[in-house]
Amino acid sequence: MTNTTEVTPPGKLTGALVPIASITVGPRIRQDFGDLDSLAASIAELGLLHPIVIDKHHKLLAGERRLRAAQKLGWTTIPATIART
């Protein structure tokens, strides 16, 4: 048996499958997204191991490379963690 410890206050994070078209991306610091083709191939093979993070208004908080790779794959929805602030 494995012991786990909750590190997130209850009700602050939820998961959902979100339409990519509903996600907005604000100004970002990162300008170079690296090898998106390689990331897309990895996601196609293994699946999306870490969901993107958005706020309750669907503004992207983390995971722009993953979002762009999913778009390259033709996905219309993407797993997301929704931070409720």
Protein backbone atom coordinates (compact mmCIF):
# COMPACT_ATOMS: atom_id res chain seq x y z
CA MET A 1 0.00 0.00 0.00
CA THR A 2 1.26 3.48 -0.87
CA ASN A 3 0.75 6.47 1.37
CA THR A 4 -0.11 9.70 -0.40
CA THR A 5 -0.28 13.22 0.90
CA GLU A 6 -2.62 15.80 -0.57
CA VAL A 7 -0.62 18.90 -1.43
CA THR A 8 -3.35 20.88 -3.16
CA PRO A 9 -6.15 22.45 -1.14
CA PRO A 10 -9.44 20.71 -1.98
CA GLY A 11 -11.41 22.47 -4.69
CA LYS A 12 -8.51 24.51 -6.09
CA LEU A 13 -7.69 22.27 -9.08
CA THR A 14 -9.91 20.21 -11.35
CA GLY A 15 -9.26 18.29 -14.54
CA ALA A 16 -11.22 18.52 -17.77
CA LEU A 17 -11.10 17.81 -21.48
CA VAL A 18 -11.20 21.32 -22.98
CA PRO A 19 -11.84 22.46 -26.57
CA ILE A 20 -8.57 23.86 -27.91
CA ALA A 21 -10.45 26.67 -29.68
CA SER A 22 -11.64 27.97 -26.29
CA ILE A 23 -8.10 28.45 -24.91
CA THR A 24 -6.54 31.90 -25.07
CA VAL A 25 -2.80 32.47 -24.90
CA GLY A 26 -1.60 35.80 -23.55
CA PRO A 27 1.86 37.32 -23.90
CA ARG A 28 4.53 34.73 -23.18
CA ILE A 29 8.18 34.94 -22.17
CA ARG A 30 9.27 31.92 -24.23
CA GLN A 31 9.77 32.78 -27.88
CA ASP A 32 11.53 29.60 -29.06
CA PHE A 33 9.32 26.51 -28.81
CA GLY A 34 12.05 24.06 -29.75
CA ASP A 35 11.34 20.90 -31.71
CA LEU A 36 7.54 20.71 -31.76
CA ASP A 37 7.57 17.86 -34.29
CA SER A 38 9.47 15.65 -31.83
CA LEU A 39 7.11 16.59 -28.98
CA ALA A 40 4.07 15.91 -31.19
CA ALA A 41 5.49 12.50 -32.13
CA SER A 42 6.05 11.68 -28.46
CA ILE A 43 2.49 12.72 -27.56
CA ALA A 44 1.14 10.67 -30.48
CA GLU A 45 3.04 7.63 -29.22
CA LEU A 46 2.63 7.95 -25.44
CA GLY A 47 -0.28 10.32 -24.99
CA LEU A 48 -0.22 13.61 -23.14
CA LEU A 49 1.50 12.72 -19.86
CA HIS A 50 1.06 16.15 -18.23
CA PRO A 51 -2.09 18.19 -18.91
CA ILE A 52 -1.80 21.87 -19.73
CA VAL A 53 -2.88 24.33 -17.01
CA ILE A 54 -5.56 26.97 -17.61
CA ASP A 55 -7.57 29.31 -15.42
CA LYS A 56 -11.36 29.28 -15.12
CA HIS A 57 -11.58 31.63 -18.13
CA HIS A 58 -9.53 29.16 -20.23
CA LYS A 59 -6.45 31.41 -20.31
CA LEU A 60 -3.32 29.31 -20.66
CA LEU A 61 -1.11 29.34 -17.56
CA ALA A 62 1.33 26.54 -18.44
CA GLY A 63 1.97 24.20 -21.36
CA GLU A 64 2.11 26.23 -24.55
CA ARG A 65 4.48 23.72 -26.20
CA ARG A 66 2.08 20.87 -25.35
CA LEU A 67 -0.84 22.92 -26.68
CA ARG A 68 0.98 23.67 -29.96
CA ALA A 69 1.99 20.02 -30.35
CA ALA A 70 -1.64 18.93 -29.84
CA GLN A 71 -2.71 21.42 -32.51
CA LYS A 72 -0.09 19.95 -34.89
CA LEU A 73 -1.67 16.54 -34.28
CA GLY A 74 -5.09 17.89 -35.23
CA TRP A 75 -6.58 17.54 -31.76
CA THR A 76 -9.72 19.58 -31.11
CA THR A 77 -9.71 18.98 -27.34
CA ILE A 78 -6.89 18.67 -24.80
CA PRO A 79 -6.68 17.46 -21.19
CA ALA A 80 -6.27 20.44 -18.87
CA THR A 81 -5.91 21.15 -15.20
CA ILE A 82 -8.11 24.11 -14.32
CA ALA A 83 -6.71 26.31 -11.56
CA ARG A 84 -9.57 27.88 -9.66
CA THR A 85 -8.23 31.13 -8.25
